Amino acid sequence: MDPAYLTGTHCVLRDIPESDYPELRAIENAVGLEADDELPYPQTLDAIKKMVTMKAPDHCFGIYVGHKLAGSVAVFGVDFLHQHAKVGIAISLSFNIKV
């Protein structure tokens, strides 16, 4: 399992393995999104792979609760000179966390 980038009380941010691409695609396609990005809608597996394998400093993290993918966080358009970036977040509509 990939190392966690950020560990919280209920979730972990880590790299998304290829085996989770279909689940991420389902999460991304669950609702119609109006976004200002280059990814097509509905998402294809190729588009998911492109998003997940972005090169640094851009990066896409999986949001995991236990070992289940609950969504993603993508940081892209990083501009170190002007100190800004864009962030995209997708959370499963059907994910239910019990605390």
C-alpha atoms as a PDB file:
ATOM      1  CA  MET A   1       0.000   0.000   0.000  1.00  0.00           C
ATOM      2  CA  ASP A   2       1.238   3.487  -0.832  1.00  0.00           C
ATOM      3  CA  PRO A   3       2.297   5.717   2.047  1.00  0.00           C
ATOM      4  CA  ALA A   4      -0.259   8.182   3.298  1.00  0.00           C
ATOM      5  CA  TYR A   5       0.342  11.864   2.563  1.00  0.00           C
ATOM      6  CA  LEU A   6      -2.073  13.034   5.210  1.00  0.00           C
ATOM      7  CA  THR A   7      -3.718  10.983   7.938  1.00  0.00           C
ATOM      8  CA  GLY A   8      -6.758  12.264   9.779  1.00  0.00           C
ATOM      9  CA  THR A   9      -9.062  10.839  12.407  1.00  0.00           C
ATOM     10  CA  HIS A  10     -11.383   9.242   9.831  1.00  0.00           C
ATOM     11  CA  CYS A  11      -9.629   9.398   6.477  1.00  0.00           C
ATOM     12  CA  VAL A  12      -6.279   9.206   4.715  1.00  0.00           C
ATOM     13  CA  LEU A  13      -5.026  10.954   1.570  1.00  0.00           C
ATOM     14  CA  ARG A  14      -2.819   8.687  -0.544  1.00  0.00           C
ATOM     15  CA  ASP A  15      -2.019   7.743  -4.127  1.00  0.00           C
ATOM     16  CA  ILE A  16      -4.789   5.973  -6.050  1.00  0.00           C
ATOM     17  CA  PRO A  17      -3.874   2.521  -7.380  1.00  0.00           C
ATOM     18  CA  GLU A  18      -5.017   1.602 -10.883  1.00  0.00           C
ATOM     19  CA  SER A  19      -7.395  -0.972  -9.410  1.00  0.00           C
ATOM     20  CA  ASP A  20      -9.456   1.941  -7.967  1.00  0.00           C
ATOM     21  CA  TYR A  21      -9.766   3.868 -11.264  1.00  0.00           C
ATOM     22  CA  PRO A  22     -13.222   2.394 -12.085  1.00  0.00           C
ATOM     23  CA  GLU A  23     -14.524   3.399  -8.629  1.00  0.00           C
ATOM     24  CA  LEU A  24     -13.077   6.911  -9.016  1.00  0.00           C
ATOM     25  CA  ARG A  25     -14.704   7.156 -12.448  1.00  0.00           C
ATOM     26  CA  ALA A  26     -18.072   6.235 -10.888  1.00  0.00           C
ATOM     27  CA  ILE A  27     -17.598   8.902  -8.213  1.00  0.00           C
ATOM     28  CA  GLU A  28     -16.625  11.545 -10.790  1.00  0.00           C
ATOM     29  CA  ASN A  29     -19.597  10.649 -13.023  1.00  0.00           C
ATOM     30  CA  ALA A  30     -22.218  10.441 -10.262  1.00  0.00           C
ATOM     31  CA  VAL A  31     -23.382  14.003 -10.871  1.00  0.00           C
ATOM     32  CA  GLY A  32     -23.037  16.402 -13.763  1.00  0.00           C
ATOM     33  CA  LEU A  33     -20.131  18.691 -13.011  1.00  0.00           C
ATOM     34  CA  GLU A  34     -19.582  22.181 -14.287  1.00  0.00           C
ATOM     35  CA  ALA A  35     -15.865  22.636 -13.991  1.00  0.00           C
ATOM     36  CA  ASP A  36     -13.265  24.865 -15.523  1.00  0.00           C
ATOM     37  CA  ASP A  37     -10.756  22.143 -16.320  1.00  0.00           C
ATOM     38  CA  GLU A  38      -9.558  20.051 -19.221  1.00  0.00           C
ATOM     39  CA  LEU A  39     -11.177  16.774 -18.163  1.00  0.00           C
ATOM     40  CA  PRO A  40     -14.156  15.637 -20.245  1.00  0.00           C
ATOM     41  CA  TYR A  41     -17.557  14.791 -18.814  1.00  0.00           C
ATOM     42  CA  PRO A  42     -18.554  12.065 -18.447  1.00  0.00           C
ATOM     43  CA  GLN A  43     -15.148  10.854 -17.354  1.00  0.00           C
ATOM     44  CA  THR A  44     -13.486   8.038 -19.264  1.00  0.00           C
ATOM     45  CA  LEU A  45     -10.964   5.633 -17.744  1.00  0.00           C
ATOM     46  CA  ASP A  46      -8.280   7.313 -19.880  1.00  0.00           C
ATOM     47  CA  ALA A  47      -9.206  10.715 -18.422  1.00  0.00           C
ATOM     48  CA  ILE A  48      -9.102   9.269 -14.888  1.00  0.00           C
ATOM     49  CA  LYS A  49      -5.638   7.832 -15.573  1.00  0.00           C
ATOM     50  CA  LYS A  50      -4.490  11.219 -16.898  1.00  0.00           C
ATOM     51  CA  MET A  51      -5.782  12.956 -13.763  1.00  0.00           C
ATOM     52  CA  VAL A  52      -4.337  10.414 -11.325  1.00  0.00           C
ATOM     53  CA  THR A  53      -0.907  10.365 -12.979  1.00  0.00           C
ATOM     54  CA  MET A  54      -0.399  14.142 -13.187  1.00  0.00           C
ATOM     55  CA  LYS A  55       3.235  15.164 -12.875  1.00  0.00           C
ATOM     56  CA  ALA A  56       4.564  17.186  -9.938  1.00  0.00           C
ATOM     57  CA  PRO A  57       3.882  19.749  -8.721  1.00  0.00           C
ATOM     58  CA  ASP A  58       0.308  18.841  -9.758  1.00  0.00           C
ATOM     59  CA  HIS A  59      -1.027  15.798  -7.915  1.00  0.00           C
ATOM     60  CA  CYS A  60      -4.184  13.789  -7.322  1.00  0.00           C
ATOM     61  CA  PHE A  61      -4.793  12.077  -3.971  1.00  0.00           C
ATOM     62  CA  GLY A  62      -7.381   9.464  -3.107  1.00  0.00           C
ATOM     63  CA  ILE A  63      -9.531  10.076  -0.040  1.00  0.00           C
ATOM     64  CA  TYR A  64      -9.738   6.735   1.762  1.00  0.00           C
ATOM     65  CA  VAL A  65     -11.815   5.753   4.747  1.00  0.00           C
ATOM     66  CA  GLY A  66     -10.405   2.444   5.881  1.00  0.00           C
ATOM     67  CA  HIS A  67      -9.442   0.784   2.603  1.00  0.00           C
ATOM     68  CA  LYS A  68     -12.421   2.188   0.665  1.00  0.00           C
ATOM     69  CA  LEU A  69     -12.088   5.035  -1.824  1.00  0.00           C
ATOM     70  CA  ALA A  70     -14.429   7.841  -0.777  1.00  0.00           C
ATOM     71  CA  GLY A  71     -13.306  10.505  -3.250  1.00  0.00           C
ATOM     72  CA  SER A  72     -10.347  12.482  -4.515  1.00  0.00           C
ATOM     73  CA  VAL A  73      -8.511  15.759  -4.092  1.00  0.00           C
ATOM     74  CA  ALA A  74      -6.544  17.142  -7.034  1.00  0.00           C
ATOM     75  CA  VAL A  75      -4.079  20.023  -6.831  1.00  0.00           C
ATOM     76  CA  PHE A  76      -3.283  21.450 -10.260  1.00  0.00           C
ATOM     77  CA  GLY A  77      -2.271  24.624 -12.017  1.00  0.00           C
ATOM     78  CA  VAL A  78       0.392  25.169  -9.357  1.00  0.00           C
ATOM     79  CA  ASP A  79       2.096  28.528  -9.793  1.00  0.00           C
ATOM     80  CA  PHE A  80       4.971  28.962  -7.354  1.00  0.00           C
ATOM     81  CA  LEU A  81       5.809  32.455  -8.595  1.00  0.00           C
ATOM     82  CA  HIS A  82       2.343  33.843  -7.820  1.00  0.00           C
ATOM     83  CA  GLN A  83       1.735  31.362  -4.975  1.00  0.00           C
ATOM     84  CA  HIS A  84      -1.574  29.919  -6.077  1.00  0.00           C
ATOM     85  CA  ALA A  85      -3.064  26.662  -7.338  1.00  0.00           C
ATOM     86  CA  LYS A  86      -6.436  25.154  -8.159  1.00  0.00           C
ATOM     87  CA  VAL A  87      -7.989  22.405  -6.054  1.00  0.00           C
ATOM     88  CA  GLY A  88     -10.676  19.977  -7.141  1.00  0.00           C
ATOM     89  CA  ILE A  89     -12.543  17.746  -4.694  1.00  0.00           C
ATOM     90  CA  ALA A  90     -14.884  14.861  -5.505  1.00  0.00           C
ATOM     91  CA  ILE A  91     -16.689  12.979  -2.731  1.00  0.00           C
ATOM     92  CA  SER A  92     -18.847   9.917  -3.284  1.00  0.00           C
ATOM     93  CA  LEU A  93     -22.551  10.681  -2.941  1.00  0.00           C
ATOM     94  CA  SER A  94     -23.185   7.177  -1.640  1.00  0.00           C
ATOM     95  CA  PHE A  95     -20.346   6.982   0.859  1.00  0.00           C
ATOM     96  CA  ASN A  96     -21.519   6.679   4.448  1.00  0.00           C
ATOM     97  CA  ILE A  97     -19.071   7.127   7.305  1.00  0.00           C
ATOM     98  CA  LYS A  98     -19.963   5.875  10.765  1.00  0.00           C
ATOM     99  CA  VAL A  99     -18.132   7.539  13.626  1.00  0.00           C
END
